[in-house]
């Protein structure tokens, strides 16, 4: 899978704080498999769990309003 901005953000922040994937999963309250899927850019992830991880880094994912015809 290709990395996304989100997956790169999480991986970069995790490394910046010197956390392993195991430590990040434990501290954020999500499973190790979820952290791995997130960092690999899996296209279908639960938004609430993504936000649990992002909260560790002072960030949050939310909906984006698209204007008509942007698709």
PDB file of N, CA and C in Angstrom:
ATOM      1  N   UNK A   1       0.833  -1.182   0.000  1.00  0.00           N
ATOM      2  CA  UNK A   1       0.000   0.000   0.000  1.00  0.00           C
ATOM      3  C   UNK A   1       0.877   1.245   0.000  1.00  0.00           C
ATOM      4  N   UNK A   2       0.412   2.247  -0.663  1.00  0.00           N
ATOM      5  CA  UNK A   2       1.147   3.505  -0.677  1.00  0.00           C
ATOM      6  C   UNK A   2       0.922   4.259   0.624  1.00  0.00           C
ATOM      7  N   UNK A   3       1.957   4.986   1.050  1.00  0.00           N
ATOM      8  CA  UNK A   3       1.803   5.832   2.219  1.00  0.00           C
ATOM      9  C   UNK A   3       0.943   7.036   1.892  1.00  0.00           C
ATOM     10  N   UNK A   4       0.212   7.493   2.856  1.00  0.00           N
ATOM     11  CA  UNK A   4      -0.611   8.687   2.704  1.00  0.00           C
ATOM     12  C   UNK A   4      -0.023   9.774   3.595  1.00  0.00           C
ATOM     13  N   UNK A   5      -0.545  10.986   3.470  1.00  0.00           N
ATOM     14  CA  UNK A   5      -0.094  12.059   4.359  1.00  0.00           C
ATOM     15  C   UNK A   5      -0.313  11.662   5.811  1.00  0.00           C
ATOM     16  N   UNK A   6      -1.456  11.040   6.073  1.00  0.00           N
ATOM     17  CA  UNK A   6      -1.778  10.611   7.431  1.00  0.00           C
ATOM     18  C   UNK A   6      -0.786   9.556   7.924  1.00  0.00           C
ATOM     19  N   UNK A   7      -0.518   8.554   7.105  1.00  0.00           N
ATOM     20  CA  UNK A   7       0.392   7.490   7.533  1.00  0.00           C
ATOM     21  C   UNK A   7       1.802   8.026   7.758  1.00  0.00           C
ATOM     22  N   UNK A   8       2.243   8.923   6.887  1.00  0.00           N
ATOM     23  CA  UNK A   8       3.580   9.524   7.064  1.00  0.00           C
ATOM     24  C   UNK A   8       3.623  10.390   8.317  1.00  0.00           C
ATOM     25  N   UNK A   9       2.543  11.140   8.571  1.00  0.00           N
ATOM     26  CA  UNK A   9       2.471  11.987   9.762  1.00  0.00           C
ATOM     27  C   UNK A   9       2.631  11.146  11.026  1.00  0.00           C
ATOM     28  N   UNK A  10       1.853  10.071  11.116  1.00  0.00           N
ATOM     29  CA  UNK A  10       1.890   9.222  12.307  1.00  0.00           C
ATOM     30  C   UNK A  10       3.270   8.589  12.474  1.00  0.00           C
ATOM     31  N   UNK A  11       3.810   8.057  11.411  1.00  0.00           N
ATOM     32  CA  UNK A  11       5.123   7.406  11.498  1.00  0.00           C
ATOM     33  C   UNK A  11       6.214   8.413  11.869  1.00  0.00           C
ATOM     34  N   UNK A  12       6.183   9.585  11.248  1.00  0.00           N
ATOM     35  CA  UNK A  12       7.182  10.616  11.556  1.00  0.00           C
ATOM     36  C   UNK A  12       7.081  11.077  13.004  1.00  0.00           C
ATOM     37  N   UNK A  13       5.865  11.303  13.486  1.00  0.00           N
ATOM     38  CA  UNK A  13       5.672  11.741  14.877  1.00  0.00           C
ATOM     39  C   UNK A  13       6.101  10.648  15.852  1.00  0.00           C
ATOM     40  N   UNK A  14       5.757   9.409  15.542  1.00  0.00           N
ATOM     41  CA  UNK A  14       6.144   8.297  16.409  1.00  0.00           C
ATOM     42  C   UNK A  14       7.657   8.235  16.544  1.00  0.00           C
ATOM     43  N   UNK A  15       8.341   8.376  15.427  1.00  0.00           N
ATOM     44  CA  UNK A  15       9.805   8.329  15.458  1.00  0.00           C
ATOM     45  C   UNK A  15      10.390   9.554  16.154  1.00  0.00           C
ATOM     46  N   UNK A  16       9.758  10.707  15.965  1.00  0.00           N
ATOM     47  CA  UNK A  16      10.230  11.935  16.598  1.00  0.00           C
ATOM     48  C   UNK A  16      10.191  11.802  18.125  1.00  0.00           C
ATOM     49  N   UNK A  17       9.172  11.108  18.625  1.00  0.00           N
ATOM     50  CA  UNK A  17       9.039  10.904  20.067  1.00  0.00           C
ATOM     51  C   UNK A  17       9.705   9.610  20.538  1.00  0.00           C
ATOM     52  N   UNK A  18      10.448   8.968  19.656  1.00  0.00           N
ATOM     53  CA  UNK A  18      11.206   7.748  19.978  1.00  0.00           C
ATOM     54  C   UNK A  18      10.312   6.644  20.547  1.00  0.00           C
ATOM     55  N   UNK A  19       9.171   6.439  19.886  1.00  0.00           N
ATOM     56  CA  UNK A  19       8.245   5.391  20.281  1.00  0.00           C
ATOM     57  C   UNK A  19       8.295   4.246  19.280  1.00  0.00           C
ATOM     58  N   UNK A  20       8.183   3.035  19.781  1.00  0.00           N
ATOM     59  CA  UNK A  20       8.008   1.895  18.885  1.00  0.00           C
ATOM     60  C   UNK A  20       6.526   1.802  18.551  1.00  0.00           C
ATOM     61  N   UNK A  21       6.198   0.980  17.577  1.00  0.00           N
ATOM     62  CA  UNK A  21       4.793   0.765  17.256  1.00  0.00           C
ATOM     63  C   UNK A  21       4.060   0.143  18.439  1.00  0.00           C
ATOM     64  N   UNK A  22       4.738  -0.732  19.158  1.00  0.00           N
ATOM     65  CA  UNK A  22       4.141  -1.372  20.334  1.00  0.00           C
ATOM     66  C   UNK A  22       3.837  -0.323  21.406  1.00  0.00           C
ATOM     67  N   UNK A  23       4.784   0.572  21.660  1.00  0.00           N
ATOM     68  CA  UNK A  23       4.572   1.621  22.663  1.00  0.00           C
ATOM     69  C   UNK A  23       3.436   2.551  22.264  1.00  0.00           C
ATOM     70  N   UNK A  24       3.390   2.932  20.981  1.00  0.00           N
ATOM     71  CA  UNK A  24       2.320   3.809  20.516  1.00  0.00           C
ATOM     72  C   UNK A  24       0.966   3.133  20.656  1.00  0.00           C
ATOM     73  N   UNK A  25       0.881   1.871  20.314  1.00  0.00           N
ATOM     74  CA  UNK A  25      -0.400   1.167  20.429  1.00  0.00           C
ATOM     75  C   UNK A  25      -0.838   1.090  21.889  1.00  0.00           C
ATOM     76  N   UNK A  26       0.079   0.812  22.784  1.00  0.00           N
ATOM     77  CA  UNK A  26      -0.247   0.721  24.206  1.00  0.00           C
ATOM     78  C   UNK A  26      -0.689   2.076  24.758  1.00  0.00           C
ATOM     79  N   UNK A  27       0.081   3.111  24.465  1.00  0.00           N
ATOM     80  CA  UNK A  27      -0.206   4.440  25.016  1.00  0.00           C
ATOM     81  C   UNK A  27      -1.487   5.057  24.449  1.00  0.00           C
ATOM     82  N   UNK A  28      -1.794   4.733  23.206  1.00  0.00           N
ATOM     83  CA  UNK A  28      -2.984   5.323  22.588  1.00  0.00           C
ATOM     84  C   UNK A  28      -4.232   4.463  22.776  1.00  0.00           C
ATOM     85  N   UNK A  29      -4.048   3.219  23.219  1.00  0.00           N
ATOM     86  CA  UNK A  29      -5.191   2.350  23.486  1.00  0.00           C
ATOM     87  C   UNK A  29      -5.763   1.645  22.274  1.00  0.00           C
ATOM     88  N   UNK A  30      -4.957   1.500  21.243  1.00  0.00           N
ATOM     89  CA  UNK A  30      -5.390   0.752  20.059  1.00  0.00           C
ATOM     90  C   UNK A  30      -4.465  -0.456  19.897  1.00  0.00           C
ATOM     91  N   UNK A  31      -4.863  -1.385  19.073  1.00  0.00           N
ATOM     92  CA  UNK A  31      -4.060  -2.580  18.869  1.00  0.00           C
ATOM     93  C   UNK A  31      -2.842  -2.322  17.985  1.00  0.00           C
ATOM     94  N   UNK A  32      -1.847  -3.172  18.159  1.00  0.00           N
ATOM     95  CA  UNK A  32      -0.635  -3.075  17.356  1.00  0.00           C
ATOM     96  C   UNK A  32      -0.946  -3.207  15.875  1.00  0.00           C
ATOM     97  N   UNK A  33      -1.836  -4.104  15.524  1.00  0.00           N
ATOM     98  CA  UNK A  33      -2.218  -4.298  14.116  1.00  0.00           C
ATOM     99  C   UNK A  33      -2.792  -3.002  13.535  1.00  0.00           C
ATOM    100  N   UNK A  34      -3.572  -2.287  14.345  1.00  0.00           N
ATOM    101  CA  UNK A  34      -4.151  -1.027  13.884  1.00  0.00           C
ATOM    102  C   UNK A  34      -3.061  -0.007  13.584  1.00  0.00           C
ATOM    103  N   UNK A  35      -2.084   0.111  14.469  1.00  0.00           N
ATOM    104  CA  UNK A  35      -0.971   1.057  14.251  1.00  0.00           C
ATOM    105  C   UNK A  35      -0.232   0.693  12.969  1.00  0.00           C
ATOM    106  N   UNK A  36       0.013  -0.572  12.769  1.00  0.00           N
ATOM    107  CA  UNK A  36       0.713  -1.012  11.544  1.00  0.00           C
ATOM    108  C   UNK A  36      -0.102  -0.687  10.305  1.00  0.00           C
ATOM    109  N   UNK A  37      -1.400  -0.964  10.352  1.00  0.00           N
ATOM    110  CA  UNK A  37      -2.270  -0.650   9.207  1.00  0.00           C
ATOM    111  C   UNK A  37      -2.298   0.857   8.939  1.00  0.00           C
ATOM    112  N   UNK A  38      -2.367   1.640   9.998  1.00  0.00           N
ATOM    113  CA  UNK A  38      -2.388   3.094   9.862  1.00  0.00           C
ATOM    114  C   UNK A  38      -1.102   3.598   9.214  1.00  0.00           C
ATOM    115  N   UNK A  39       0.032   3.123   9.673  1.00  0.00           N
ATOM    116  CA  UNK A  39       1.320   3.567   9.125  1.00  0.00           C
ATOM    117  C   UNK A  39       1.555   3.067   7.702  1.00  0.00           C
ATOM    118  N   UNK A  40       0.878   2.010   7.318  1.00  0.00           N
ATOM    119  CA  UNK A  40       1.013   1.491   5.962  1.00  0.00           C
ATOM    120  C   UNK A  40       0.006   2.106   4.997  1.00  0.00           C
ATOM    121  N   UNK A  41      -0.864   2.967   5.512  1.00  0.00           N
ATOM    122  CA  UNK A  41      -1.804   3.663   4.643  1.00  0.00           C
ATOM    123  C   UNK A  41      -3.028   2.863   4.254  1.00  0.00           C
ATOM    124  N   UNK A  42      -3.452   1.927   5.107  1.00  0.00           N
ATOM    125  CA  UNK A  42      -4.662   1.153   4.806  1.00  0.00           C
ATOM    126  C   UNK A  42      -5.821   2.128   4.578  1.00  0.00           C
ATOM    127  N   UNK A  43      -6.564   1.961   3.487  1.00  0.00           N
ATOM    128  CA  UNK A  43      -7.591   2.942   3.125  1.00  0.00           C
ATOM    129  C   UNK A  43      -8.867   2.887   3.966  1.00  0.00           C
ATOM    130  N   UNK A  44      -9.088   1.802   4.712  1.00  0.00           N
ATOM    131  CA  UNK A  44     -10.305   1.707   5.512  1.00  0.00           C
ATOM    132  C   UNK A  44      -9.935   1.498   6.971  1.00  0.00           C
ATOM    133  N   UNK A  45     -10.007   2.581   7.733  1.00  0.00           N
ATOM    134  CA  UNK A  45      -9.724   2.534   9.159  1.00  0.00           C
ATOM    135  C   UNK A  45     -10.815   3.292   9.903  1.00  0.00           C
ATOM    136  N   UNK A  46     -11.081   2.891  11.118  1.00  0.00           N
ATOM    137  CA  UNK A  46     -12.084   3.586  11.932  1.00  0.00           C
ATOM    138  C   UNK A  46     -11.557   4.949  12.355  1.00  0.00           C
ATOM    139  N   UNK A  47     -12.351   5.963  12.072  1.00  0.00           N
ATOM    140  CA  UNK A  47     -11.946   7.339  12.360  1.00  0.00           C
ATOM    141  C   UNK A  47     -11.755   7.575  13.859  1.00  0.00           C
ATOM    142  N   UNK A  48     -12.575   6.958  14.693  1.00  0.00           N
ATOM    143  CA  UNK A  48     -12.420   7.152  16.131  1.00  0.00           C
ATOM    144  C   UNK A  48     -11.089   6.601  16.635  1.00  0.00           C
ATOM    145  N   UNK A  49     -10.665   5.473  16.080  1.00  0.00           N
ATOM    146  CA  UNK A  49      -9.378   4.902  16.471  1.00  0.00           C
ATOM    147  C   UNK A  49      -8.214   5.718  15.915  1.00  0.00           C
ATOM    148  N   UNK A  50      -8.369   6.221  14.695  1.00  0.00           N
ATOM    149  CA  UNK A  50      -7.335   7.098  14.130  1.00  0.00           C
ATOM    150  C   UNK A  50      -7.155   8.292  15.059  1.00  0.00           C
ATOM    151  N   UNK A  51      -8.254   8.865  15.516  1.00  0.00           N
ATOM    152  CA  UNK A  51      -8.174  10.021  16.408  1.00  0.00           C
ATOM    153  C   UNK A  51      -7.578   9.677  17.767  1.00  0.00           C
ATOM    154  N   UNK A  52      -7.751   8.449  18.236  1.00  0.00           N
ATOM    155  CA  UNK A  52      -7.094   8.031  19.474  1.00  0.00           C
ATOM    156  C   UNK A  52      -5.579   8.133  19.316  1.00  0.00           C
ATOM    157  N   UNK A  53      -5.082   7.711  18.175  1.00  0.00           N
ATOM    158  CA  UNK A  53      -3.637   7.767  17.912  1.00  0.00           C
ATOM    159  C   UNK A  53      -3.198   9.215  17.721  1.00  0.00           C
ATOM    160  N   UNK A  54      -3.936   9.965  16.917  1.00  0.00           N
ATOM    161  CA  UNK A  54      -3.561  11.348  16.634  1.00  0.00           C
ATOM    162  C   UNK A  54      -3.567  12.219  17.884  1.00  0.00           C
ATOM    163  N   UNK A  55      -4.428  11.896  18.835  1.00  0.00           N
ATOM    164  CA  UNK A  55      -4.500  12.658  20.086  1.00  0.00           C
ATOM    165  C   UNK A  55      -3.150  12.663  20.803  1.00  0.00           C
ATOM    166  N   UNK A  56      -2.403  11.603  20.651  1.00  0.00           N
ATOM    167  CA  UNK A  56      -1.069  11.507  21.260  1.00  0.00           C
ATOM    168  C   UNK A  56      -0.153  12.625  20.767  1.00  0.00           C
ATOM    169  N   UNK A  57      -0.428  13.115  19.572  1.00  0.00           N
ATOM    170  CA  UNK A  57       0.433  14.123  18.948  1.00  0.00           C
ATOM    171  C   UNK A  57      -0.259  15.480  18.822  1.00  0.00           C
ATOM    172  N   UNK A  58      -1.367  15.650  19.547  1.00  0.00           N
ATOM    173  CA  UNK A  58      -2.069  16.924  19.544  1.00  0.00           C
ATOM    174  C   UNK A  58      -2.782  17.228  18.241  1.00  0.00           C
ATOM    175  N   UNK A  59      -3.202  16.187  17.528  1.00  0.00           N
ATOM    176  CA  UNK A  59      -3.873  16.369  16.238  1.00  0.00           C
ATOM    177  C   UNK A  59      -5.209  15.634  16.254  1.00  0.00           C
ATOM    178  N   UNK A  60      -6.048  15.948  15.276  1.00  0.00           N
ATOM    179  CA  UNK A  60      -7.355  15.312  15.154  1.00  0.00           C
ATOM    180  C   UNK A  60      -7.770  15.281  13.690  1.00  0.00           C
ATOM    181  N   UNK A  61      -8.408  14.197  13.305  1.00  0.00           N
ATOM    182  CA  UNK A  61      -8.916  14.041  11.949  1.00  0.00           C
ATOM    183  C   UNK A  61     -10.403  14.360  11.965  1.00  0.00           C
ATOM    184  N   UNK A  62     -10.853  15.120  10.990  1.00  0.00           N
ATOM    185  CA  UNK A  62     -12.263  15.463  10.921  1.00  0.00           C
ATOM    186  C   UNK A  62     -12.745  15.478   9.488  1.00  0.00           C
ATOM    187  N   UNK A  63     -14.048  15.629   9.306  1.00  0.00           N
ATOM    188  CA  UNK A  63     -14.594  15.670   7.952  1.00  0.00           C
ATOM    189  C   UNK A  63     -14.181  16.949   7.226  1.00  0.00           C
ATOM    190  N   UNK A  64     -14.104  16.833   5.938  1.00  0.00           N
ATOM    191  CA  UNK A  64     -13.753  17.976   5.090  1.00  0.00           C
ATOM    192  C   UNK A  64     -14.943  18.286   4.204  1.00  0.00           C
ATOM    193  N   UNK A  65     -15.345  19.534   4.190  1.00  0.00           N
ATOM    194  CA  UNK A  65     -16.468  19.927   3.337  1.00  0.00           C
ATOM    195  C   UNK A  65     -15.948  20.141   1.922  1.00  0.00           C
ATOM    196  N   UNK A  66     -16.569  19.438   0.996  1.00  0.00           N
ATOM    197  CA  UNK A  66     -16.181  19.564  -0.406  1.00  0.00           C
ATOM    198  C   UNK A  66     -17.211  20.419  -1.125  1.00  0.00           C
ATOM    199  N   UNK A  67     -16.735  21.234  -1.995  1.00  0.00           N
ATOM    200  CA  UNK A  67     -17.633  22.055  -2.800  1.00  0.00           C
ATOM    201  C   UNK A  67     -18.196  21.216  -3.939  1.00  0.00           C
ATOM    202  N   UNK A  68     -19.292  21.607  -4.438  1.00  0.00           N
ATOM    203  CA  UNK A  68     -19.943  20.898  -5.537  1.00  0.00           C
ATOM    204  C   UNK A  68     -19.001  20.797  -6.734  1.00  0.00           C
ATOM    205  N   UNK A  69     -18.896  19.619  -7.286  1.00  0.00           N
ATOM    206  CA  UNK A  69     -18.077  19.408  -8.474  1.00  0.00           C
ATOM    207  C   UNK A  69     -16.616  19.118  -8.198  1.00  0.00           C
ATOM    208  N   UNK A  70     -16.212  18.975  -6.952  1.00  0.00           N
ATOM    209  CA  UNK A  70     -14.802  18.704  -6.626  1.00  0.00           C
ATOM    210  C   UNK A  70     -14.411  17.261  -6.792  1.00  0.00           C
ATOM    211  N   UNK A  71     -15.357  16.368  -6.895  1.00  0.00           N
ATOM    212  CA  UNK A  71     -15.021  14.962  -7.062  1.00  0.00           C
ATOM    213  C   UNK A  71     -14.546  14.776  -8.430  1.00  0.00           C
TER     214      UNK A  71
END
